[in-house]
Amino acid sequence: MLDISKDVQNTREIAALTEAAQQGKLDSRADESVFEGNYRQIAEGANRLLDSLPRPVEEMMVTMGRAARKDMTARMDGECQGLVGPILSRTNRKYISRTDRVEERRGKTNANREKERHLL
């Protein structure tokens, strides 16, 4: 008789990890020591994947938080590929554009003040 209990346990472990990630629990990890063979490779890969997610998400949150506090110098640093790369670039372009507009307005305001001083 074929014993598939270990396969069932491994599948449940990976399913639980997947469910935790879907619920936003990105700090969950598979206990790689309970897996063997291909299942261990799957668990290691899932852990690496989860390890790669928090940094860009946290960086986006910090950058957006700074921008919400009117800090237009906020930028996202780092190299990101795939879907996160364009998000990083677009976010930075948005804040650079806003910073440029703010600086332009300040320049116009300062120029207007200078003109007013000369008129007095």
PDB file of N, CA and C in Angstrom:
ATOM      1  N   MET A   1       0.848  -1.181   0.000  1.00  0.00           N
ATOM      2  CA  MET A   1       0.000   0.000   0.000  1.00  0.00           C
ATOM      3  C   MET A   1       0.892   1.243   0.000  1.00  0.00           C
ATOM      4  N   LEU A   2       0.527   2.223  -0.809  1.00  0.00           N
ATOM      5  CA  LEU A   2       1.279   3.454  -0.969  1.00  0.00           C
ATOM      6  C   LEU A   2       0.904   4.429   0.145  1.00  0.00           C
ATOM      7  N   ASP A   3       1.917   4.935   0.875  1.00  0.00           N
ATOM      8  CA  ASP A   3       1.686   5.892   1.960  1.00  0.00           C
ATOM      9  C   ASP A   3       1.885   7.306   1.421  1.00  0.00           C
ATOM     10  N   ILE A   4       0.809   8.058   1.323  1.00  0.00           N
ATOM     11  CA  ILE A   4       0.897   9.424   0.815  1.00  0.00           C
ATOM     12  C   ILE A   4       0.721  10.455   1.926  1.00  0.00           C
ATOM     13  N   SER A   5       0.800  10.017   3.168  1.00  0.00           N
ATOM     14  CA  SER A   5       0.565  10.931   4.291  1.00  0.00           C
ATOM     15  C   SER A   5       1.557  12.098   4.297  1.00  0.00           C
ATOM     16  N   LYS A   6       2.828  11.835   3.940  1.00  0.00           N
ATOM     17  CA  LYS A   6       3.829  12.905   3.907  1.00  0.00           C
ATOM     18  C   LYS A   6       3.492  13.910   2.795  1.00  0.00           C
ATOM     19  N   ASP A   7       3.049  13.403   1.649  1.00  0.00           N
ATOM     20  CA  ASP A   7       2.637  14.292   0.561  1.00  0.00           C
ATOM     21  C   ASP A   7       1.457  15.169   0.989  1.00  0.00           C
ATOM     22  N   VAL A   8       0.509  14.570   1.662  1.00  0.00           N
ATOM     23  CA  VAL A   8      -0.661  15.318   2.133  1.00  0.00           C
ATOM     24  C   VAL A   8      -0.225  16.389   3.130  1.00  0.00           C
ATOM     25  N   GLN A   9       0.665  16.042   4.065  1.00  0.00           N
ATOM     26  CA  GLN A   9       1.152  17.005   5.055  1.00  0.00           C
ATOM     27  C   GLN A   9       1.896  18.153   4.361  1.00  0.00           C
ATOM     28  N   ASN A  10       2.752  17.831   3.394  1.00  0.00           N
ATOM     29  CA  ASN A  10       3.493  18.862   2.667  1.00  0.00           C
ATOM     30  C   ASN A  10       2.554  19.799   1.916  1.00  0.00           C
ATOM     31  N   THR A  11       1.557  19.210   1.274  1.00  0.00           N
ATOM     32  CA  THR A  11       0.583  20.010   0.531  1.00  0.00           C
ATOM     33  C   THR A  11      -0.177  20.940   1.466  1.00  0.00           C
ATOM     34  N   ARG A  12      -0.552  20.460   2.627  1.00  0.00           N
ATOM     35  CA  ARG A  12      -1.264  21.298   3.615  1.00  0.00           C
ATOM     36  C   ARG A  12      -0.376  22.448   4.100  1.00  0.00           C
ATOM     37  N   GLU A  13       0.905  22.151   4.331  1.00  0.00           N
ATOM     38  CA  GLU A  13       1.841  23.185   4.788  1.00  0.00           C
ATOM     39  C   GLU A  13       1.962  24.304   3.753  1.00  0.00           C
ATOM     40  N   ILE A  14       2.148  23.926   2.501  1.00  0.00           N
ATOM     41  CA  ILE A  14       2.279  24.915   1.429  1.00  0.00           C
ATOM     42  C   ILE A  14       0.957  25.671   1.245  1.00  0.00           C
ATOM     43  N   ALA A  15      -0.165  24.982   1.340  1.00  0.00           N
ATOM     44  CA  ALA A  15      -1.475  25.628   1.224  1.00  0.00           C
ATOM     45  C   ALA A  15      -1.675  26.639   2.351  1.00  0.00           C
ATOM     46  N   ALA A  16      -1.250  26.292   3.566  1.00  0.00           N
ATOM     47  CA  ALA A  16      -1.380  27.213   4.699  1.00  0.00           C
ATOM     48  C   ALA A  16      -0.513  28.457   4.484  1.00  0.00           C
ATOM     49  N   LEU A  17       0.683  28.267   3.943  1.00  0.00           N
ATOM     50  CA  LEU A  17       1.567  29.393   3.655  1.00  0.00           C
ATOM     51  C   LEU A  17       0.946  30.300   2.585  1.00  0.00           C
ATOM     52  N   THR A  18       0.393  29.691   1.563  1.00  0.00           N
ATOM     53  CA  THR A  18      -0.255  30.449   0.494  1.00  0.00           C
ATOM     54  C   THR A  18      -1.434  31.240   1.034  1.00  0.00           C
ATOM     55  N   GLU A  19      -2.238  30.618   1.855  1.00  0.00           N
ATOM     56  CA  GLU A  19      -3.400  31.302   2.442  1.00  0.00           C
ATOM     57  C   GLU A  19      -2.971  32.471   3.315  1.00  0.00           C
ATOM     58  N   ALA A  20      -1.927  32.279   4.117  1.00  0.00           N
ATOM     59  CA  ALA A  20      -1.426  33.362   4.972  1.00  0.00           C
ATOM     60  C   ALA A  20      -0.983  34.552   4.120  1.00  0.00           C
ATOM     61  N   ALA A  21      -0.269  34.276   3.026  1.00  0.00           N
ATOM     62  CA  ALA A  21       0.186  35.354   2.138  1.00  0.00           C
ATOM     63  C   ALA A  21      -1.000  36.072   1.506  1.00  0.00           C
ATOM     64  N   GLN A  22      -2.025  35.322   1.114  1.00  0.00           N
ATOM     65  CA  GLN A  22      -3.219  35.929   0.523  1.00  0.00           C
ATOM     66  C   GLN A  22      -3.939  36.829   1.517  1.00  0.00           C
ATOM     67  N   GLN A  23      -3.789  36.544   2.797  1.00  0.00           N
ATOM     68  CA  GLN A  23      -4.398  37.358   3.846  1.00  0.00           C
ATOM     69  C   GLN A  23      -3.507  38.524   4.249  1.00  0.00           C
ATOM     70  N   GLY A  24      -2.391  38.693   3.553  1.00  0.00           N
ATOM     71  CA  GLY A  24      -1.493  39.801   3.841  1.00  0.00           C
ATOM     72  C   GLY A  24      -0.467  39.519   4.915  1.00  0.00           C
ATOM     73  N   LYS A  25      -0.395  38.300   5.380  1.00  0.00           N
ATOM     74  CA  LYS A  25       0.571  37.919   6.418  1.00  0.00           C
ATOM     75  C   LYS A  25       1.890  37.557   5.737  1.00  0.00           C
ATOM     76  N   LEU A  26       2.583  38.583   5.261  1.00  0.00           N
ATOM     77  CA  LEU A  26       3.784  38.362   4.463  1.00  0.00           C
ATOM     78  C   LEU A  26       5.000  37.987   5.298  1.00  0.00           C
ATOM     79  N   ASP A  27       4.831  37.912   6.612  1.00  0.00           N
ATOM     80  CA  ASP A  27       5.932  37.476   7.471  1.00  0.00           C
ATOM     81  C   ASP A  27       5.859  35.969   7.755  1.00  0.00           C
ATOM     82  N   SER A  28       4.863  35.305   7.216  1.00  0.00           N
ATOM     83  CA  SER A  28       4.747  33.853   7.379  1.00  0.00           C
ATOM     84  C   SER A  28       5.806  33.157   6.530  1.00  0.00           C
ATOM     85  N   ARG A  29       6.338  32.065   7.061  1.00  0.00           N
ATOM     86  CA  ARG A  29       7.328  31.289   6.323  1.00  0.00           C
ATOM     87  C   ARG A  29       7.072  29.803   6.537  1.00  0.00           C
ATOM     88  N   ALA A  30       7.462  29.018   5.545  1.00  0.00           N
ATOM     89  CA  ALA A  30       7.382  27.569   5.663  1.00  0.00           C
ATOM     90  C   ALA A  30       8.567  27.078   6.485  1.00  0.00           C
ATOM     91  N   ASP A  31       8.340  26.092   7.336  1.00  0.00           N
ATOM     92  CA  ASP A  31       9.430  25.464   8.091  1.00  0.00           C
ATOM     93  C   ASP A  31      10.092  24.453   7.160  1.00  0.00           C
ATOM     94  N   GLU A  32      11.179  24.893   6.548  1.00  0.00           N
ATOM     95  CA  GLU A  32      11.838  24.074   5.525  1.00  0.00           C
ATOM     96  C   GLU A  32      12.338  22.735   6.064  1.00  0.00           C
ATOM     97  N   SER A  33      12.571  22.661   7.373  1.00  0.00           N
ATOM     98  CA  SER A  33      13.125  21.432   7.949  1.00  0.00           C
ATOM     99  C   SER A  33      12.145  20.261   7.918  1.00  0.00           C
ATOM    100  N   VAL A  34      10.859  20.534   7.744  1.00  0.00           N
ATOM    101  CA  VAL A  34       9.879  19.445   7.722  1.00  0.00           C
ATOM    102  C   VAL A  34       9.671  18.889   6.310  1.00  0.00           C
ATOM    103  N   PHE A  35      10.303  19.500   5.314  1.00  0.00           N
ATOM    104  CA  PHE A  35      10.132  19.075   3.929  1.00  0.00           C
ATOM    105  C   PHE A  35      11.340  18.288   3.453  1.00  0.00           C
ATOM    106  N   GLU A  36      11.101  17.452   2.476  1.00  0.00           N
ATOM    107  CA  GLU A  36      12.173  16.678   1.858  1.00  0.00           C
ATOM    108  C   GLU A  36      12.048  16.767   0.342  1.00  0.00           C
ATOM    109  N   GLY A  37      13.186  16.604  -0.346  1.00  0.00           N
ATOM    110  CA  GLY A  37      13.196  16.512  -1.808  1.00  0.00           C
ATOM    111  C   GLY A  37      12.595  17.718  -2.487  1.00  0.00           C
ATOM    112  N   ASN A  38      11.735  17.436  -3.478  1.00  0.00           N
ATOM    113  CA  ASN A  38      11.113  18.513  -4.254  1.00  0.00           C
ATOM    114  C   ASN A  38      10.267  19.441  -3.392  1.00  0.00           C
ATOM    115  N   TYR A  39       9.632  18.890  -2.384  1.00  0.00           N
ATOM    116  CA  TYR A  39       8.821  19.732  -1.504  1.00  0.00           C
ATOM    117  C   TYR A  39       9.694  20.747  -0.761  1.00  0.00           C
ATOM    118  N   ARG A  40      10.904  20.355  -0.394  1.00  0.00           N
ATOM    119  CA  ARG A  40      11.816  21.301   0.270  1.00  0.00           C
ATOM    120  C   ARG A  40      12.176  22.436  -0.692  1.00  0.00           C
ATOM    121  N   GLN A  41      12.429  22.093  -1.947  1.00  0.00           N
ATOM    122  CA  GLN A  41      12.734  23.130  -2.935  1.00  0.00           C
ATOM    123  C   GLN A  41      11.555  24.083  -3.109  1.00  0.00           C
ATOM    124  N   ILE A  42      10.361  23.548  -3.104  1.00  0.00           N
ATOM    125  CA  ILE A  42       9.160  24.385  -3.215  1.00  0.00           C
ATOM    126  C   ILE A  42       9.055  25.304  -2.004  1.00  0.00           C
ATOM    127  N   ALA A  43       9.260  24.754  -0.804  1.00  0.00           N
ATOM    128  CA  ALA A  43       9.181  25.551   0.420  1.00  0.00           C
ATOM    129  C   ALA A  43      10.256  26.639   0.440  1.00  0.00           C
ATOM    130  N   GLU A  44      11.474  26.293   0.046  1.00  0.00           N
ATOM    131  CA  GLU A  44      12.561  27.271   0.003  1.00  0.00           C
ATOM    132  C   GLU A  44      12.235  28.392  -0.991  1.00  0.00           C
ATOM    133  N   GLY A  45      11.706  28.014  -2.145  1.00  0.00           N
ATOM    134  CA  GLY A  45      11.328  29.006  -3.157  1.00  0.00           C
ATOM    135  C   GLY A  45      10.213  29.916  -2.666  1.00  0.00           C
ATOM    136  N   ALA A  46       9.229  29.343  -2.001  1.00  0.00           N
ATOM    137  CA  ALA A  46       8.127  30.153  -1.459  1.00  0.00           C
ATOM    138  C   ALA A  46       8.651  31.137  -0.413  1.00  0.00           C
ATOM    139  N   ASN A  47       9.566  30.676   0.432  1.00  0.00           N
ATOM    140  CA  ASN A  47      10.151  31.567   1.437  1.00  0.00           C
ATOM    141  C   ASN A  47      10.945  32.696   0.793  1.00  0.00           C
ATOM    142  N   ARG A  48      11.724  32.375  -0.241  1.00  0.00           N
ATOM    143  CA  ARG A  48      12.491  33.418  -0.943  1.00  0.00           C
ATOM    144  C   ARG A  48      11.547  34.437  -1.574  1.00  0.00           C
ATOM    145  N   LEU A  49      10.474  33.934  -2.150  1.00  0.00           N
ATOM    146  CA  LEU A  49       9.489  34.829  -2.748  1.00  0.00           C
ATOM    147  C   LEU A  49       8.923  35.779  -1.697  1.00  0.00           C
ATOM    148  N   LEU A  50       8.515  35.235  -0.570  1.00  0.00           N
ATOM    149  CA  LEU A  50       7.960  36.069   0.500  1.00  0.00           C
ATOM    150  C   LEU A  50       9.006  37.028   1.071  1.00  0.00           C
ATOM    151  N   ASP A  51      10.270  36.613   1.101  1.00  0.00           N
ATOM    152  CA  ASP A  51      11.331  37.496   1.585  1.00  0.00           C
ATOM    153  C   ASP A  51      11.504  38.711   0.678  1.00  0.00           C
ATOM    154  N   SER A  52      11.200  38.562  -0.604  1.00  0.00           N
ATOM    155  CA  SER A  52      11.418  39.647  -1.559  1.00  0.00           C
ATOM    156  C   SER A  52      10.290  40.681  -1.568  1.00  0.00           C
ATOM    157  N   LEU A  53       9.149  40.390  -0.998  1.00  0.00           N
ATOM    158  CA  LEU A  53       7.992  41.284  -1.091  1.00  0.00           C
ATOM    159  C   LEU A  53       8.010  42.480  -0.140  1.00  0.00           C
ATOM    160  N   PRO A  54       8.356  42.329   1.106  1.00  0.00           N
ATOM    161  CA  PRO A  54       8.184  43.451   2.036  1.00  0.00           C
ATOM    162  C   PRO A  54       8.991  44.709   1.702  1.00  0.00           C
ATOM    163  N   ARG A  55      10.220  44.591   1.204  1.00  0.00           N
ATOM    164  CA  ARG A  55      11.048  45.773   1.000  1.00  0.00           C
ATOM    165  C   ARG A  55      10.399  46.791   0.067  1.00  0.00           C
ATOM    166  N   PRO A  56       9.986  46.414  -1.153  1.00  0.00           N
ATOM    167  CA  PRO A  56       9.377  47.435  -2.012  1.00  0.00           C
ATOM    168  C   PRO A  56       8.043  47.947  -1.472  1.00  0.00           C
ATOM    169  N   VAL A  57       7.274  47.093  -0.831  1.00  0.00           N
ATOM    170  CA  VAL A  57       5.991  47.527  -0.265  1.00  0.00           C
ATOM    171  C   VAL A  57       6.233  48.528   0.860  1.00  0.00           C
ATOM    172  N   GLU A  58       7.169  48.233   1.753  1.00  0.00           N
ATOM    173  CA  GLU A  58       7.490  49.156   2.843  1.00  0.00           C
ATOM    174  C   GLU A  58       8.032  50.472   2.295  1.00  0.00           C
ATOM    175  N   GLU A  59       8.875  50.390   1.286  1.00  0.00           N
ATOM    176  CA  GLU A  59       9.443  51.598   0.695  1.00  0.00           C
ATOM    177  C   GLU A  59       8.345  52.473   0.079  1.00  0.00           C
ATOM    178  N   MET A  60       7.382  51.844  -0.590  1.00  0.00           N
ATOM    179  CA  MET A  60       6.260  52.600  -1.148  1.00  0.00           C
ATOM    180  C   MET A  60       5.463  53.277  -0.041  1.00  0.00           C
ATOM    181  N   MET A  61       5.221  52.549   1.048  1.00  0.00           N
ATOM    182  CA  MET A  61       4.454  53.113   2.161  1.00  0.00           C
ATOM    183  C   MET A  61       5.175  54.310   2.773  1.00  0.00           C
ATOM    184  N   VAL A  62       6.483  54.192   2.979  1.00  0.00           N
ATOM    185  CA  VAL A  62       7.259  55.293   3.554  1.00  0.00           C
ATOM    186  C   VAL A  62       7.239  56.501   2.619  1.00  0.00           C
ATOM    187  N   THR A  63       7.464  56.264   1.339  1.00  0.00           N
ATOM    188  CA  THR A  63       7.499  57.350   0.363  1.00  0.00           C
ATOM    189  C   THR A  63       6.152  58.059   0.293  1.00  0.00           C
ATOM    190  N   MET A  64       5.076  57.298   0.232  1.00  0.00           N
ATOM    191  CA  MET A  64       3.748  57.906   0.159  1.00  0.00           C
ATOM    192  C   MET A  64       3.399  58.631   1.449  1.00  0.00           C
ATOM    193  N   GLY A  65       3.842  58.102   2.578  1.00  0.00           N
ATOM    194  CA  GLY A  65       3.619  58.771   3.858  1.00  0.00           C
ATOM    195  C   GLY A  65       4.323  60.117   3.915  1.00  0.00           C
ATOM    196  N   ARG A  66       5.561  60.146   3.431  1.00  0.00           N
ATOM    197  CA  ARG A  66       6.305  61.409   3.403  1.00  0.00           C
ATOM    198  C   ARG A  66       5.623  62.410   2.479  1.00  0.00           C
ATOM    199  N   ALA A  67       5.175  61.936   1.330  1.00  0.00           N
ATOM    200  CA  ALA A  67       4.500  62.823   0.388  1.00  0.00           C
ATOM    201  C   ALA A  67       3.194  63.354   0.982  1.00  0.00           C
ATOM    202  N   ALA A  68       2.499  62.524   1.729  1.00  0.00           N
ATOM    203  CA  ALA A  68       1.252  62.959   2.375  1.00  0.00           C
ATOM    204  C   ALA A  68       1.511  64.066   3.387  1.00  0.00           C
ATOM    205  N   ARG A  69       2.739  64.079   3.912  1.00  0.00           N
ATOM    206  CA  ARG A  69       3.121  65.143   4.862  1.00  0.00           C
ATOM    207  C   ARG A  69       3.771  66.322   4.131  1.00  0.00           C
ATOM    208  N   LYS A  70       3.544  66.391   2.825  1.00  0.00           N
ATOM    209  CA  LYS A  70       4.036  67.474   1.968  1.00  0.00           C
ATOM    210  C   LYS A  70       5.546  67.460   1.779  1.00  0.00           C
ATOM    211  N   ASP A  71       6.186  66.330   1.996  1.00  0.00           N
ATOM    212  CA  ASP A  71       7.621  66.194   1.747  1.00  0.00           C
ATOM    213  C   ASP A  71       7.788  65.744   0.305  1.00  0.00           C
ATOM    214  N   MET A  72       8.011  66.698  -0.575  1.00  0.00           N
ATOM    215  CA  MET A  72       8.115  66.384  -1.998  1.00  0.00           C
ATOM    216  C   MET A  72       9.515  65.906  -2.397  1.00  0.00           C
ATOM    217  N   THR A  73      10.385  65.736  -1.429  1.00  0.00           N
ATOM    218  CA  THR A  73      11.698  65.163  -1.734  1.00  0.00           C
ATOM    219  C   THR A  73      11.662  63.643  -1.615  1.00  0.00           C
ATOM    220  N   ALA A  74      10.517  63.101  -1.252  1.00  0.00           N
ATOM    221  CA  ALA A  74      10.376  61.651  -1.075  1.00  0.00           C
ATOM    222  C   ALA A  74      10.666  60.928  -2.380  1.00  0.00           C
ATOM    223  N   ARG A  75      11.519  59.931  -2.309  1.00  0.00           N
ATOM    224  CA  ARG A  75      11.849  59.113  -3.471  1.00  0.00           C
ATOM    225  C   ARG A  75      11.961  57.664  -3.045  1.00  0.00           C
ATOM    226  N   MET A  76      11.678  56.777  -3.978  1.00  0.00           N
ATOM    227  CA  MET A  76      11.871  55.354  -3.737  1.00  0.00           C
ATOM    228  C   MET A  76      13.229  54.971  -4.297  1.00  0.00           C
ATOM    229  N   ASP A  77      14.050  54.381  -3.463  1.00  0.00           N
ATOM    230  CA  ASP A  77      15.389  53.965  -3.877  1.00  0.00           C
ATOM    231  C   ASP A  77      15.374  52.482  -4.207  1.00  0.00           C
ATOM    232  N   GLY A  78      16.461  52.022  -4.759  1.00  0.00           N
ATOM    233  CA  GLY A  78      16.609  50.592  -4.971  1.00  0.00           C
ATOM    234  C   GLY A  78      16.303  50.183  -6.392  1.00  0.00           C
ATOM    235  N   GLU A  79      16.715  48.995  -6.675  1.00  0.00           N
ATOM    236  CA  GLU A  79      16.499  48.399  -7.984  1.00  0.00           C
ATOM    237  C   GLU A  79      15.399  47.360  -7.869  1.00  0.00           C
ATOM    238  N   CYS A  80      14.378  47.514  -8.654  1.00  0.00           N
ATOM    239  CA  CYS A  80      13.283  46.544  -8.648  1.00  0.00           C
ATOM    240  C   CYS A  80      12.990  46.143 -10.084  1.00  0.00           C
ATOM    241  N   GLN A  81      12.625  44.909 -10.242  1.00  0.00           N
ATOM    242  CA  GLN A  81      12.321  44.402 -11.572  1.00  0.00           C
ATOM    243  C   GLN A  81      10.864  43.973 -11.611  1.00  0.00           C
ATOM    244  N   GLY A  82      10.445  43.559 -12.781  1.00  0.00           N
ATOM    245  CA  GLY A  82       9.078  43.071 -12.933  1.00  0.00           C
ATOM    246  C   GLY A  82       8.074  44.180 -12.713  1.00  0.00           C
ATOM    247  N   LEU A  83       6.962  43.863 -12.125  1.00  0.00           N
ATOM    248  CA  LEU A  83       5.877  44.808 -11.898  1.00  0.00           C
ATOM    249  C   LEU A  83       6.280  45.942 -10.960  1.00  0.00           C
ATOM    250  N   VAL A  84       7.130  45.658  -9.977  1.00  0.00           N
ATOM    251  CA  VAL A  84       7.497  46.667  -8.982  1.00  0.00           C
ATOM    252  C   VAL A  84       8.381  47.757  -9.592  1.00  0.00           C
ATOM    253  N   GLY A  85       9.223  47.419 -10.562  1.00  0.00           N
ATOM    254  CA  GLY A  85      10.105  48.403 -11.192  1.00  0.00           C
ATOM    255  C   GLY A  85       9.341  49.585 -11.777  1.00  0.00           C
ATOM    256  N   PRO A  86       8.341  49.339 -12.630  1.00  0.00           N
ATOM    257  CA  PRO A  86       7.568  50.462 -13.169  1.00  0.00           C
ATOM    258  C   PRO A  86       6.812  51.248 -12.090  1.00  0.00           C
ATOM    259  N   ILE A  87       6.355  50.582 -11.046  1.00  0.00           N
ATOM    260  CA  ILE A  87       5.676  51.293  -9.956  1.00  0.00           C
ATOM    261  C   ILE A  87       6.655  52.257  -9.299  1.00  0.00           C
ATOM    262  N   LEU A  88       7.870  51.788  -9.037  1.00  0.00           N
ATOM    263  CA  LEU A  88       8.896  52.633  -8.440  1.00  0.00           C
ATOM    264  C   LEU A  88       9.175  53.826  -9.345  1.00  0.00           C
ATOM    265  N   SER A  89       9.374  53.580 -10.624  1.00  0.00           N
ATOM    266  CA  SER A  89       9.680  54.667 -11.564  1.00  0.00           C
ATOM    267  C   SER A  89       8.543  55.675 -11.642  1.00  0.00           C
ATOM    268  N   ARG A  90       7.325  55.198 -11.749  1.00  0.00           N
ATOM    269  CA  ARG A  90       6.174  56.108 -11.850  1.00  0.00           C
ATOM    270  C   ARG A  90       5.993  56.921 -10.585  1.00  0.00           C
ATOM    271  N   THR A  91       6.192  56.292  -9.453  1.00  0.00           N
ATOM    272  CA  THR A  91       6.068  57.012  -8.181  1.00  0.00           C
ATOM    273  C   THR A  91       7.110  58.116  -8.108  1.00  0.00           C
ATOM    274  N   ASN A  92       8.345  57.801  -8.445  1.00  0.00           N
ATOM    275  CA  ASN A  92       9.395  58.813  -8.414  1.00  0.00           C
ATOM    276  C   ASN A  92       9.107  59.937  -9.408  1.00  0.00           C
ATOM    277  N   ARG A  93       8.677  59.587 -10.629  1.00  0.00           N
ATOM    278  CA  ARG A  93       8.368  60.624 -11.617  1.00  0.00           C
ATOM    279  C   ARG A  93       7.256  61.539 -11.119  1.00  0.00           C
ATOM    280  N   LYS A  94       6.280  60.954 -10.450  1.00  0.00           N
ATOM    281  CA  LYS A  94       5.158  61.751  -9.931  1.00  0.00           C
ATOM    282  C   LYS A  94       5.664  62.776  -8.916  1.00  0.00           C
ATOM    283  N   TYR A  95       6.513  62.345  -7.998  1.00  0.00           N
ATOM    284  CA  TYR A  95       6.996  63.257  -6.973  1.00  0.00           C
ATOM    285  C   TYR A  95       8.019  64.242  -7.521  1.00  0.00           C
ATOM    286  N   ILE A  96       8.802  63.825  -8.511  1.00  0.00           N
ATOM    287  CA  ILE A  96       9.744  64.760  -9.134  1.00  0.00           C
ATOM    288  C   ILE A  96       8.955  65.845  -9.865  1.00  0.00           C
ATOM    289  N   SER A  97       7.900  65.443 -10.576  1.00  0.00           N
ATOM    290  CA  SER A  97       7.063  66.400 -11.282  1.00  0.00           C
ATOM    291  C   SER A  97       6.418  67.381 -10.312  1.00  0.00           C
ATOM    292  N   ARG A  98       5.898  66.868  -9.210  1.00  0.00           N
ATOM    293  CA  ARG A  98       5.293  67.754  -8.207  1.00  0.00           C
ATOM    294  C   ARG A  98       6.331  68.700  -7.618  1.00  0.00           C
ATOM    295  N   THR A  99       7.505  68.184  -7.332  1.00  0.00           N
ATOM    296  CA  THR A  99       8.575  69.011  -6.774  1.00  0.00           C
ATOM    297  C   THR A  99       8.930  70.119  -7.754  1.00  0.00           C
ATOM    298  N   ASP A 100       9.030  69.773  -9.030  1.00  0.00           N
ATOM    299  CA  ASP A 100       9.342  70.777 -10.048  1.00  0.00           C
ATOM    300  C   ASP A 100       8.270  71.863 -10.089  1.00  0.00           C
ATOM    301  N   ARG A 101       7.000  71.474 -10.010  1.00  0.00           N
ATOM    302  CA  ARG A 101       5.919  72.470 -10.027  1.00  0.00           C
ATOM    303  C   ARG A 101       5.975  73.356  -8.798  1.00  0.00           C
ATOM    304  N   VAL A 102       6.249  72.770  -7.646  1.00  0.00           N
ATOM    305  CA  VAL A 102       6.352  73.560  -6.409  1.00  0.00           C
ATOM    306  C   VAL A 102       7.513  74.535  -6.518  1.00  0.00           C
ATOM    307  N   GLU A 103       8.652  74.061  -7.003  1.00  0.00           N
ATOM    308  CA  GLU A 103       9.825  74.930  -7.154  1.00  0.00           C
ATOM    309  C   GLU A 103       9.547  76.046  -8.149  1.00  0.00           C
ATOM    310  N   GLU A 104       8.830  75.726  -9.226  1.00  0.00           N
ATOM    311  CA  GLU A 104       8.484  76.737 -10.222  1.00  0.00           C
ATOM    312  C   GLU A 104       7.599  77.810  -9.597  1.00  0.00           C
ATOM    313  N   ARG A 105       6.608  77.395  -8.810  1.00  0.00           N
ATOM    314  CA  ARG A 105       5.726  78.357  -8.139  1.00  0.00           C
ATOM    315  C   ARG A 105       6.509  79.216  -7.158  1.00  0.00           C
ATOM    316  N   ARG A 106       7.412  78.585  -6.415  1.00  0.00           N
ATOM    317  CA  ARG A 106       8.234  79.350  -5.475  1.00  0.00           C
ATOM    318  C   ARG A 106       9.069  80.373  -6.214  1.00  0.00           C
ATOM    319  N   GLY A 107       9.616  79.975  -7.348  1.00  0.00           N
ATOM    320  CA  GLY A 107      10.418  80.899  -8.147  1.00  0.00           C
ATOM    321  C   GLY A 107       9.595  82.079  -8.618  1.00  0.00           C
ATOM    322  N   LYS A 108       8.375  81.812  -9.085  1.00  0.00           N
ATOM    323  CA  LYS A 108       7.494  82.890  -9.530  1.00  0.00           C
ATOM    324  C   LYS A 108       7.124  83.790  -8.362  1.00  0.00           C
ATOM    325  N   THR A 109       6.848  83.193  -7.208  1.00  0.00           N
ATOM    326  CA  THR A 109       6.493  83.970  -6.028  1.00  0.00           C
ATOM    327  C   THR A 109       7.654  84.856  -5.615  1.00  0.00           C
ATOM    328  N   ASN A 110       8.857  84.304  -5.596  1.00  0.00           N
ATOM    329  CA  ASN A 110      10.036  85.087  -5.230  1.00  0.00           C
ATOM    330  C   ASN A 110      10.282  86.198  -6.241  1.00  0.00           C
ATOM    331  N   ALA A 111      10.083  85.920  -7.518  1.00  0.00           N
ATOM    332  CA  ALA A 111      10.256  86.936  -8.556  1.00  0.00           C
ATOM    333  C   ALA A 111       9.241  88.052  -8.382  1.00  0.00           C
ATOM    334  N   ASN A 112       7.999  87.695  -8.054  1.00  0.00           N
ATOM    335  CA  ASN A 112       6.965  88.706  -7.821  1.00  0.00           C
ATOM    336  C   ASN A 112       7.306  89.572  -6.620  1.00  0.00           C
ATOM    337  N   ARG A 113       7.817  88.977  -5.561  1.00  0.00           N
ATOM    338  CA  ARG A 113       8.215  89.747  -4.373  1.00  0.00           C
ATOM    339  C   ARG A 113       9.333  90.719  -4.712  1.00  0.00           C
ATOM    340  N   GLU A 114      10.271  90.264  -5.527  1.00  0.00           N
ATOM    341  CA  GLU A 114      11.401  91.105  -5.928  1.00  0.00           C
ATOM    342  C   GLU A 114      10.901  92.297  -6.741  1.00  0.00           C
ATOM    343  N   LYS A 115       9.942  92.035  -7.636  1.00  0.00           N
ATOM    344  CA  LYS A 115       9.365  93.124  -8.434  1.00  0.00           C
ATOM    345  C   LYS A 115       8.665  94.117  -7.526  1.00  0.00           C
ATOM    346  N   GLU A 116       7.919  93.632  -6.538  1.00  0.00           N
ATOM    347  CA  GLU A 116       7.211  94.514  -5.617  1.00  0.00           C
ATOM    348  C   GLU A 116       8.196  95.376  -4.842  1.00  0.00           C
ATOM    349  N   ARG A 117       9.314  94.843  -4.430  1.00  0.00           N
ATOM    350  CA  ARG A 117      10.326  95.611  -3.698  1.00  0.00           C
ATOM    351  C   ARG A 117      10.875  96.751  -4.551  1.00  0.00           C
ATOM    352  N   HIS A 118      11.070  96.466  -5.840  1.00  0.00           N
ATOM    353  CA  HIS A 118      11.616  97.492  -6.722  1.00  0.00           C
ATOM    354  C   HIS A 118      10.589  98.594  -6.986  1.00  0.00           C
ATOM    355  N   LEU A 119       9.312  98.246  -6.926  1.00  0.00           N
ATOM    356  CA  LEU A 119       8.268  99.249  -7.158  1.00  0.00           C
ATOM    357  C   LEU A 119       8.098 100.172  -5.964  1.00  0.00           C
ATOM    358  N   LEU A 120       8.469  99.734  -4.778  1.00  0.00           N
ATOM    359  CA  LEU A 120       8.285 100.551  -3.578  1.00  0.00           C
ATOM    360  C   LEU A 120       9.314 101.590  -3.447  1.00  0.00           C
TER     361      LEU A 120
END
